[in-house]
């Protein structure tokens, strides 16, 4: 069988060292300005604020078209001598992405997943790739066969009045308007996860059915891990642990403890469902063209409907509810959740039809939580341990940022390990925290903190009268007066 583009072997680009960008030479005048400022600072006995060394502009690498990867007959040989062996805990989007990025760099890893197989439990519903729609190329995925590009986003009142519209179709309708907006890719979470797993090519370092129980950092700078496997305890060793095991991360709990940054309830519940378009036969609606995202709200309930695959849609209904009630409703199961959703959304077509046609076994619901943003000081408790994705910075689903940030985390960490632990580094003596982890965590937490904050705010304003403002922008933009991606 002919390999698809996504199944080819890749290795890092030698021109940009896998970064996808190359530093442009700093102009002479900026170098001279910095040199002069530094001399004046030193002559003043270092009083005042020292000058900041100017950074050269980064250009996209021409050799790899910005992906950081080039084709190869085979993946790089695993370099056990120079690089740390990484134990990746969690086989979701972030964990598998990190494994793929390590594979491309010859960094040894073992990927541990508590589930017994790929289909063992639901891995969520649909997601939207925003910043990561370009970063996904850094994992050797240059086309998402099951990804859907939306070109129109509408906001309605319950009666069906359009009060907001944006997207490529709106922007292109104005001949004089220059379109520079990126497009969003909608894809089922499991489809993206499978695309990443296929990059591993059946790699034998993926261990299913391994539930982490404990770990211990040894004086010899190795870590012992304990896993429960088929009811028995199995031991393993690693040089670095990366917790990519979700919002209820075992690694995070063992490292920091749950009491310091407990789950934070965001005062609302989400009910999700998937409806095949074939179940809506005879229903003629321009909203069901597989390229339109639409949402409807009344200031309390809000539903968001997007393409899930080319022949199905995913809906997400959310509304405020006391935590105890939300837990109780979720525990009642799919039938009760569907019934609740139907009662709350007798709105314009095709919303009631979509919810009614959704099979109960395709419905789920849960209270929405996040956690307070971590500090680097808390993460420094682990000399050879770090976190990424929801384990590090869980957030509400209302800004569509969870998977995006996990992918960016994974690529940043793999690049950091490749640069900081190479053959000419001294990481074994200085420690991987100083060589890699501190810089990685600082950047990750700074980048994701705003996403966590905006997602928490969205959980409030999307269930308020703000959602009813007439404005051709995402609802967050209506609130803040700037262009935010929902």
Protein backbone atom coordinates (compact mmCIF):
# COMPACT_ATOMS: atom_id res chain seq x y z
CA UNK A 1 0.00 0.00 0.00
CA UNK A 2 1.33 3.40 -0.99
CA UNK A 3 2.27 5.57 1.96
CA UNK A 4 0.41 8.83 2.40
CA UNK A 5 2.30 12.10 2.82
CA UNK A 6 1.77 11.92 6.57
CA UNK A 7 3.27 8.42 6.87
CA UNK A 8 6.68 9.24 5.37
CA UNK A 9 9.75 9.33 7.58
CA UNK A 10 11.02 12.74 8.59
CA UNK A 11 14.09 14.15 10.24
CA UNK A 12 15.01 17.65 11.30
CA UNK A 13 16.13 20.20 8.75
CA UNK A 14 19.92 20.71 8.96
CA UNK A 15 19.60 24.36 7.95
CA UNK A 16 17.41 25.50 10.86
CA UNK A 17 18.13 22.59 13.26
CA UNK A 18 14.45 21.69 13.39
CA UNK A 19 13.25 25.15 14.45
CA UNK A 20 11.56 26.07 11.18
CA UNK A 21 13.12 29.52 11.37
CA UNK A 22 16.58 30.97 10.83
CA UNK A 23 18.05 33.99 12.49
CA UNK A 24 18.68 36.89 10.16
CA UNK A 25 22.01 38.62 10.62
CA UNK A 26 21.66 41.61 12.91
CA UNK A 27 22.12 44.89 11.11
CA UNK A 28 25.41 46.68 11.80
CA UNK A 29 23.76 49.83 13.16
CA UNK A 30 21.90 47.84 15.85
CA UNK A 31 25.09 46.02 16.84
CA UNK A 32 26.94 49.33 17.16
CA UNK A 33 24.09 50.91 19.13
CA UNK A 34 24.11 48.04 21.60
CA UNK A 35 27.91 48.12 21.88
CA UNK A 36 27.86 51.84 22.62
CA UNK A 37 25.06 51.50 25.19
CA UNK A 38 26.90 48.66 26.91
CA UNK A 39 30.13 50.66 27.10
CA UNK A 40 28.29 53.63 28.62
CA UNK A 41 26.60 51.35 31.16
CA UNK A 42 29.91 49.84 32.24
CA UNK A 43 31.57 53.28 32.45
CA UNK A 44 28.78 54.41 34.79
CA UNK A 45 29.73 51.64 37.25
CA UNK A 46 26.67 49.71 36.05
CA UNK A 47 24.17 52.17 37.43
CA UNK A 48 20.67 52.13 36.04
CA UNK A 49 19.17 49.52 33.74
CA UNK A 50 21.60 47.48 31.59
CA UNK A 51 20.96 47.58 27.83
CA UNK A 52 19.15 44.60 26.32
CA UNK A 53 21.00 42.76 23.61
CA UNK A 54 18.97 43.14 20.40
CA UNK A 55 17.59 39.98 18.85
CA UNK A 56 17.91 39.23 15.18
CA UNK A 57 14.71 38.82 13.19
CA UNK A 58 13.70 35.21 12.52
CA UNK A 59 12.75 34.26 8.97
CA UNK A 60 10.98 31.11 7.86
CA UNK A 61 13.50 28.50 6.78
CA UNK A 62 13.40 28.13 2.99
CA UNK A 63 14.89 24.64 3.03
CA UNK A 64 11.99 23.10 5.01
CA UNK A 65 9.30 25.71 4.26
CA UNK A 66 9.12 26.52 7.97
CA UNK A 67 8.23 23.05 9.24
CA UNK A 68 11.66 22.23 10.67
CA UNK A 69 11.50 18.82 8.95
CA UNK A 70 12.76 17.25 5.73
CA UNK A 71 11.93 13.88 4.19
CA UNK A 72 14.08 10.92 5.04
CA UNK A 73 14.24 7.25 4.11
CA UNK A 74 14.06 6.41 7.80
CA UNK A 75 13.81 8.13 11.14
CA UNK A 76 17.05 9.16 12.90
CA UNK A 77 18.83 6.56 15.02
CA UNK A 78 17.96 6.85 18.69
CA UNK A 79 20.82 8.61 20.50
CA UNK A 80 20.85 7.03 23.94
CA UNK A 81 24.34 8.32 24.70
CA UNK A 82 23.68 12.03 24.44
CA UNK A 83 19.98 12.55 25.09
CA UNK A 84 17.90 11.80 28.19
CA UNK A 85 15.44 8.92 28.05
CA UNK A 86 12.01 10.46 28.48
CA UNK A 87 9.05 8.79 30.13
CA UNK A 88 5.98 10.45 28.62
CA UNK A 89 2.95 9.86 30.82
CA UNK A 90 -0.29 10.12 28.83
CA UNK A 91 -1.13 9.15 25.27
CA UNK A 92 -3.49 12.01 24.43
CA UNK A 93 -2.77 14.77 21.91
CA UNK A 94 0.11 16.37 23.85
CA UNK A 95 1.83 13.13 24.86
CA UNK A 96 1.74 11.57 21.40
CA UNK A 97 2.85 14.86 19.82
CA UNK A 98 5.89 14.95 22.09
CA UNK A 99 6.72 11.35 21.21
CA UNK A 100 6.57 12.18 17.49
CA UNK A 101 8.77 15.26 17.90
CA UNK A 102 11.30 13.17 19.85
CA UNK A 103 11.25 10.47 17.16
CA UNK A 104 12.21 13.06 14.54
CA UNK A 105 15.21 14.09 16.66
CA UNK A 106 16.55 10.73 17.78
CA UNK A 107 15.60 11.47 21.40
CA UNK A 108 14.82 8.22 23.28
CA UNK A 109 11.37 7.99 24.84
CA UNK A 110 8.75 5.61 26.15
CA UNK A 111 5.11 6.63 25.90
CA UNK A 112 2.89 5.27 28.67
CA UNK A 113 -0.91 5.29 28.42
CA UNK A 114 -3.27 3.97 31.08
CA UNK A 115 -5.91 2.91 28.51
CA UNK A 116 -5.53 -0.60 27.13
CA UNK A 117 -5.98 0.48 23.51
CA UNK A 118 -6.83 3.41 21.25
CA UNK A 119 -10.60 2.88 21.45
CA UNK A 120 -10.77 2.16 25.18
CA UNK A 121 -12.58 5.41 26.01
CA UNK A 122 -13.75 8.58 24.38
CA UNK A 123 -11.01 11.13 23.81
CA UNK A 124 -13.41 14.04 23.54
CA UNK A 125 -15.21 15.39 20.54
CA UNK A 126 -14.11 18.00 18.01
CA UNK A 127 -11.39 20.58 18.29
CA UNK A 128 -10.32 23.63 16.35
CA UNK A 129 -6.71 24.13 15.31
CA UNK A 130 -5.86 27.82 15.41
CA UNK A 131 -2.18 28.67 16.11
CA UNK A 132 -1.41 24.96 15.79
CA UNK A 133 -2.82 24.76 12.25
CA UNK A 134 0.69 25.74 11.09
CA UNK A 135 2.61 24.12 13.95
CA UNK A 136 1.11 20.71 13.05
CA UNK A 137 3.58 20.59 10.15
CA UNK A 138 6.33 20.41 12.77
CA UNK A 139 5.10 16.87 13.50
CA UNK A 140 5.32 15.72 9.89
CA UNK A 141 1.60 16.19 9.26
CA UNK A 142 1.21 18.31 6.15
CA UNK A 143 -2.40 17.48 5.41
CA UNK A 144 -5.29 16.49 7.61
CA UNK A 145 -7.53 14.37 5.43
CA UNK A 146 -10.33 14.51 7.97
CA UNK A 147 -9.89 18.18 8.79
CA UNK A 148 -12.59 20.67 7.79
CA UNK A 149 -11.86 24.33 7.09
CA UNK A 150 -14.65 26.69 8.11
CA UNK A 151 -15.16 29.85 6.07
CA UNK A 152 -18.12 31.40 7.87
CA UNK A 153 -19.07 31.99 11.50
CA UNK A 154 -22.52 33.24 12.50
CA UNK A 155 -24.09 34.33 15.76
CA UNK A 156 -27.89 34.16 16.17
CA UNK A 157 -30.56 35.07 18.63
CA UNK A 158 -32.88 32.17 19.60
CA UNK A 159 -35.36 33.42 16.99
CA UNK A 160 -32.73 33.05 14.25
CA UNK A 161 -31.75 36.69 13.71
CA UNK A 162 -28.11 37.02 12.65
CA UNK A 163 -26.32 39.43 15.00
CA UNK A 164 -22.72 38.63 14.07
CA UNK A 165 -20.81 37.26 11.10
CA UNK A 166 -17.13 36.80 10.27
CA UNK A 167 -14.87 34.46 8.33
CA UNK A 168 -13.38 34.22 4.85
CA UNK A 169 -16.72 34.49 3.06
CA UNK A 170 -17.53 37.70 4.92
CA UNK A 171 -14.08 39.22 4.42
CA UNK A 172 -13.86 38.31 0.74
CA UNK A 173 -17.22 39.93 0.08
CA UNK A 174 -15.44 43.27 0.40
CA UNK A 175 -13.29 43.73 -2.70
CA UNK A 176 -11.21 46.46 -1.13
CA UNK A 177 -10.44 44.61 2.08
CA UNK A 178 -7.12 42.81 2.27
CA UNK A 179 -7.57 39.42 3.89
CA UNK A 180 -4.73 38.38 6.20
CA UNK A 181 -6.72 36.21 8.61
CA UNK A 182 -5.69 32.61 9.12
CA UNK A 183 -8.24 29.86 8.67
CA UNK A 184 -9.25 27.43 11.41
CA UNK A 185 -9.24 23.68 10.92
CA UNK A 186 -11.95 21.62 12.66
CA UNK A 187 -11.18 17.97 13.30
CA UNK A 188 -12.32 15.16 15.57
CA UNK A 189 -9.91 14.80 18.47
CA UNK A 190 -9.50 11.09 17.83
CA UNK A 191 -8.73 11.76 14.14
CA UNK A 192 -5.89 14.11 15.06
CA UNK A 193 -4.65 11.72 17.72
CA UNK A 194 -4.65 8.87 15.18
CA UNK A 195 -2.77 11.00 12.65
CA UNK A 196 -0.09 11.59 15.29
CA UNK A 197 0.01 7.93 16.33
CA UNK A 198 0.47 6.91 12.70
CA UNK A 199 3.62 9.02 12.68
CA UNK A 200 5.05 6.61 15.25
CA UNK A 201 4.50 3.75 12.79
CA UNK A 202 3.66 1.17 15.43
CA UNK A 203 6.64 2.27 17.52
CA UNK A 204 7.37 -0.29 20.23
CA UNK A 205 7.96 2.46 22.79
CA UNK A 206 4.20 2.98 23.17
CA UNK A 207 3.02 1.07 26.24
CA UNK A 208 -0.76 0.63 26.60
CA UNK A 209 -2.37 -0.34 29.90
CA UNK A 210 0.21 1.40 32.11
CA UNK A 211 -1.26 3.44 34.99
CA UNK A 212 1.39 5.50 36.81
CA UNK A 213 1.36 4.88 40.55
CA UNK A 214 4.46 6.67 41.80
CA UNK A 215 7.94 7.86 40.92
CA UNK A 216 11.16 8.55 42.80
CA UNK A 217 14.10 10.75 41.82
CA UNK A 218 17.38 9.00 42.68
CA UNK A 219 20.73 10.47 43.67
CA UNK A 220 22.27 9.13 40.46
CA UNK A 221 19.93 11.43 38.48
CA UNK A 222 17.66 8.67 37.24
CA UNK A 223 13.99 8.28 38.07
CA UNK A 224 12.24 5.08 39.10
CA UNK A 225 8.62 4.78 38.01
CA UNK A 226 5.98 2.41 39.31
CA UNK A 227 3.09 1.37 37.04
CA UNK A 228 0.06 -0.77 37.61
CA UNK A 229 -0.22 -3.16 34.68
CA UNK A 230 -2.88 -5.88 34.63
CA UNK A 231 -3.22 -5.67 38.40
CA UNK A 232 0.53 -5.97 39.04
CA UNK A 233 3.24 -3.41 39.74
CA UNK A 234 5.92 -2.96 37.09
CA UNK A 235 9.01 -0.78 37.44
CA UNK A 236 10.75 1.36 34.84
CA UNK A 237 13.54 3.93 34.71
CA UNK A 238 13.95 7.24 32.92
CA UNK A 239 16.04 10.42 32.94
CA UNK A 240 13.07 12.75 32.57
CA UNK A 241 9.33 12.47 33.25
CA UNK A 242 6.86 14.54 31.25
CA UNK A 243 3.32 14.56 32.60
CA UNK A 244 0.91 14.85 29.67
CA UNK A 245 -1.89 13.09 31.52
CA UNK A 246 -4.67 15.65 31.50
CA UNK A 247 -6.50 17.92 33.90
CA UNK A 248 -6.45 15.29 36.67
CA UNK A 249 -2.77 14.55 36.10
CA UNK A 250 -1.20 11.92 38.33
CA UNK A 251 2.25 13.40 37.66
CA UNK A 252 1.11 16.85 38.76
CA UNK A 253 -0.54 15.47 41.88
CA UNK A 254 2.58 13.50 42.86
CA UNK A 255 4.85 16.46 42.15
CA UNK A 256 2.87 19.40 43.52
CA UNK A 257 -0.15 17.98 45.31
CA UNK A 258 -3.76 18.68 44.43
CA UNK A 259 -4.40 21.01 47.37
CA UNK A 260 -2.08 23.78 46.16
CA UNK A 261 -3.80 24.30 42.79
CA UNK A 262 -7.13 22.44 43.10
CA UNK A 263 -9.71 22.12 40.37
CA UNK A 264 -11.59 25.41 39.98
CA UNK A 265 -15.24 25.16 38.99
CA UNK A 266 -16.22 27.69 36.32
CA UNK A 267 -19.93 27.76 37.23
CA UNK A 268 -21.26 26.03 34.14
CA UNK A 269 -21.87 22.66 32.53
CA UNK A 270 -21.22 21.54 28.95
CA UNK A 271 -23.33 19.01 27.05
CA UNK A 272 -21.83 17.65 23.81
CA UNK A 273 -23.24 15.65 20.95
CA UNK A 274 -22.41 14.43 17.44
CA UNK A 275 -25.08 14.28 14.76
CA UNK A 276 -24.62 12.74 11.28
CA UNK A 277 -26.02 14.89 8.48
CA UNK A 278 -27.73 11.80 7.10
CA UNK A 279 -30.04 11.87 10.14
CA UNK A 280 -31.25 15.29 8.98
CA UNK A 281 -32.34 14.16 5.53
CA UNK A 282 -34.92 16.50 4.06
CA UNK A 283 -33.77 19.42 6.22
CA UNK A 284 -32.53 22.19 3.95
CA UNK A 285 -30.37 24.67 5.83
CA UNK A 286 -27.42 26.78 4.64
CA UNK A 287 -25.93 26.34 8.12
CA UNK A 288 -25.27 22.65 7.34
CA UNK A 289 -22.86 23.14 4.42
CA UNK A 290 -19.88 21.61 6.29
CA UNK A 291 -18.06 24.96 6.14
CA UNK A 292 -20.13 27.04 8.56
CA UNK A 293 -19.77 27.40 12.31
CA UNK A 294 -22.70 28.95 14.13
CA UNK A 295 -23.68 29.74 17.68
CA UNK A 296 -26.90 30.85 19.32
CA UNK A 297 -27.45 32.21 22.79
CA UNK A 298 -30.02 33.95 24.97
CA UNK A 299 -27.77 35.33 27.70
CA UNK A 300 -27.96 32.11 29.73
CA UNK A 301 -27.83 29.06 27.46
CA UNK A 302 -25.43 29.04 24.52
CA UNK A 303 -24.99 26.44 21.79
CA UNK A 304 -22.05 26.20 19.41
CA UNK A 305 -22.28 23.96 16.33
CA UNK A 306 -19.35 23.19 14.03
CA UNK A 307 -18.41 20.70 11.31
CA UNK A 308 -17.11 17.50 12.93
CA UNK A 309 -16.43 15.56 9.76
CA UNK A 310 -17.51 16.16 6.16
CA UNK A 311 -20.81 14.40 6.93
CA UNK A 312 -21.52 15.25 10.57
CA UNK A 313 -21.67 18.16 13.02
CA UNK A 314 -20.73 18.52 16.67
CA UNK A 315 -22.78 20.62 19.05
CA UNK A 316 -21.76 22.04 22.40
CA UNK A 317 -24.45 23.39 24.71
CA UNK A 318 -23.42 25.19 27.88
CA UNK A 319 -25.21 27.05 30.64
CA UNK A 320 -24.67 28.13 34.28
CA UNK A 321 -25.43 25.56 36.96
CA UNK A 322 -24.42 24.96 40.56
CA UNK A 323 -21.56 22.50 40.84
CA UNK A 324 -23.51 19.88 42.78
CA UNK A 325 -26.35 20.01 40.24
CA UNK A 326 -23.91 19.79 37.33
CA UNK A 327 -22.26 16.71 38.82
CA UNK A 328 -25.64 15.11 39.44
CA UNK A 329 -26.87 15.79 35.89
CA UNK A 330 -23.65 14.44 34.39
CA UNK A 331 -23.93 11.30 36.52
CA UNK A 332 -27.45 10.59 35.18
CA UNK A 333 -25.96 9.70 31.82
CA UNK A 334 -26.54 10.39 28.16
CA UNK A 335 -30.35 10.09 28.04
CA UNK A 336 -30.86 12.66 30.78
CA UNK A 337 -28.29 14.99 29.25
CA UNK A 338 -29.96 14.85 25.84
CA UNK A 339 -33.37 15.51 27.41
CA UNK A 340 -31.99 18.53 29.28
CA UNK A 341 -30.40 19.88 26.11
CA UNK A 342 -33.64 19.55 24.15
CA UNK A 343 -35.66 21.33 26.83
CA UNK A 344 -33.28 24.30 26.79
CA UNK A 345 -32.94 24.77 23.02
CA UNK A 346 -36.35 25.05 21.40
CA UNK A 347 -34.85 27.71 19.17
CA UNK A 348 -34.49 28.41 15.46
CA UNK A 349 -33.93 25.68 12.86
CA UNK A 350 -31.89 23.52 12.60
CA UNK A 351 -30.98 23.43 16.32
CA UNK A 352 -33.94 21.40 17.68
CA UNK A 353 -33.73 19.01 14.71
CA UNK A 354 -30.00 18.42 15.25
CA UNK A 355 -30.38 17.69 18.95
CA UNK A 356 -33.39 15.43 18.43
CA UNK A 357 -31.59 13.45 15.70
CA UNK A 358 -28.47 12.96 17.84
CA UNK A 359 -28.34 9.45 19.27
CA UNK A 360 -28.16 9.36 23.05
CA UNK A 361 -24.96 7.29 23.00
CA UNK A 362 -23.32 10.20 21.16
CA UNK A 363 -24.11 12.63 23.99
CA UNK A 364 -21.99 13.38 27.04
CA UNK A 365 -21.73 16.16 29.58
CA UNK A 366 -19.51 17.41 32.35
CA UNK A 367 -19.00 20.33 34.76
CA UNK A 368 -16.34 22.74 33.47
CA UNK A 369 -13.13 23.19 35.45
CA UNK A 370 -9.72 24.74 35.14
CA UNK A 371 -6.89 25.38 37.60
CA UNK A 372 -4.99 28.44 38.74
CA UNK A 373 -1.98 29.10 36.52
CA UNK A 374 1.16 27.37 37.77
CA UNK A 375 4.33 29.19 38.74
CA UNK A 376 7.85 28.18 37.75
CA UNK A 377 8.64 27.85 41.46
CA UNK A 378 6.08 25.07 41.85
CA UNK A 379 7.39 23.19 38.82
CA UNK A 380 10.97 23.48 40.08
CA UNK A 381 10.07 20.94 42.76
CA UNK A 382 10.92 18.32 40.17
CA UNK A 383 14.53 18.38 39.04
CA UNK A 384 13.79 15.94 36.22
CA UNK A 385 10.02 16.31 35.94
CA UNK A 386 7.82 18.67 33.94
CA UNK A 387 4.28 18.98 32.63
CA UNK A 388 2.58 19.99 29.42
CA UNK A 389 -0.91 20.44 27.99
CA UNK A 390 -3.87 20.11 30.36
CA UNK A 391 -1.60 18.70 33.05
CA UNK A 392 0.20 22.06 33.17
CA UNK A 393 -2.50 24.58 32.23
CA UNK A 394 -6.05 23.17 31.99
CA UNK A 395 -8.61 25.62 30.65
CA UNK A 396 -12.26 25.81 29.69
CA UNK A 397 -13.22 24.70 26.16
CA UNK A 398 -14.75 28.06 25.24
CA UNK A 399 -11.72 29.51 23.47
CA UNK A 400 -10.75 26.26 21.74
CA UNK A 401 -7.18 26.47 23.03
CA UNK A 402 -6.51 23.23 24.92
CA UNK A 403 -5.20 21.09 22.05
CA UNK A 404 -3.50 24.08 20.40
CA UNK A 405 -1.44 24.83 23.47
CA UNK A 406 -0.59 21.14 24.04
CA UNK A 407 0.81 20.86 20.50
CA UNK A 408 2.85 24.03 20.93
CA UNK A 409 4.12 22.74 24.30
CA UNK A 410 5.22 19.43 22.81
CA UNK A 411 7.11 21.00 19.93
CA UNK A 412 8.78 23.56 22.21
CA UNK A 413 9.94 20.89 24.68
CA UNK A 414 11.33 18.57 21.99
CA UNK A 415 13.20 21.45 20.41
CA UNK A 416 14.52 22.51 23.81
CA UNK A 417 15.81 19.01 24.59
CA UNK A 418 17.45 18.71 21.17
CA UNK A 419 19.23 22.03 21.63
CA UNK A 420 20.02 21.79 25.33
CA UNK A 421 21.11 18.14 25.51
CA UNK A 422 23.11 17.70 22.32
CA UNK A 423 26.53 16.06 22.00
CA UNK A 424 28.39 19.26 22.93
CA UNK A 425 26.23 20.21 25.89
CA UNK A 426 27.02 19.61 29.53
CA UNK A 427 23.48 18.80 30.64
CA UNK A 428 24.38 15.68 32.60
CA UNK A 429 26.59 17.75 34.90
CA UNK A 430 24.42 20.86 35.13
CA UNK A 431 21.12 18.95 35.22
CA UNK A 432 18.27 18.92 32.75
CA UNK A 433 16.30 21.49 34.71
CA UNK A 434 18.92 24.18 34.23
CA UNK A 435 19.73 23.04 30.69
CA UNK A 436 16.16 22.73 29.38
CA UNK A 437 13.20 22.69 31.76
CA UNK A 438 13.35 26.16 33.31
CA UNK A 439 13.42 27.93 29.95
CA UNK A 440 10.72 25.64 28.54
CA UNK A 441 8.39 26.11 31.51
CA UNK A 442 8.90 29.89 31.60
CA UNK A 443 7.90 30.22 27.94
CA UNK A 444 5.04 27.72 28.24
CA UNK A 445 3.48 29.34 31.30
CA UNK A 446 3.83 32.85 29.89
CA UNK A 447 2.24 31.79 26.58
CA UNK A 448 -0.61 29.78 28.09
CA UNK A 449 -1.50 32.04 31.05
CA UNK A 450 -3.48 34.44 28.87
CA UNK A 451 -5.30 31.51 27.24
CA UNK A 452 -6.33 30.15 30.64
CA UNK A 453 -7.52 33.60 31.74
CA UNK A 454 -9.43 34.30 28.50
CA UNK A 455 -11.02 30.84 28.57
CA UNK A 456 -12.22 31.35 32.14
CA UNK A 457 -13.65 34.77 31.22
CA UNK A 458 -15.39 33.24 28.21
CA UNK A 459 -17.14 30.79 30.53
CA UNK A 460 -18.77 33.85 32.09
CA UNK A 461 -19.48 36.25 29.23
CA UNK A 462 -20.76 33.61 26.79
CA UNK A 463 -23.59 33.03 29.25
CA UNK A 464 -24.43 36.71 29.63
CA UNK A 465 -26.04 39.45 27.54
CA UNK A 466 -22.69 40.07 25.85
CA UNK A 467 -23.44 37.19 23.52
CA UNK A 468 -26.43 39.19 22.20
CA UNK A 469 -24.42 42.24 21.10
CA UNK A 470 -24.75 42.99 17.39
CA UNK A 471 -21.17 42.99 16.15
CA UNK A 472 -19.35 41.19 13.34
CA UNK A 473 -16.63 39.91 15.65
CA UNK A 474 -16.12 37.02 18.05
CA UNK A 475 -17.95 37.63 21.31
CA UNK A 476 -14.69 38.20 23.19
CA UNK A 477 -13.86 41.01 20.83
CA UNK A 478 -17.19 42.66 21.58
CA UNK A 479 -16.23 42.66 25.25
CA UNK A 480 -12.61 43.74 24.97
CA UNK A 481 -12.65 45.75 21.80
CA UNK A 482 -9.94 43.73 20.11
CA UNK A 483 -9.73 40.76 17.78
CA UNK A 484 -9.62 37.55 19.79
CA UNK A 485 -10.03 34.11 18.25
CA UNK A 486 -12.83 32.09 19.82
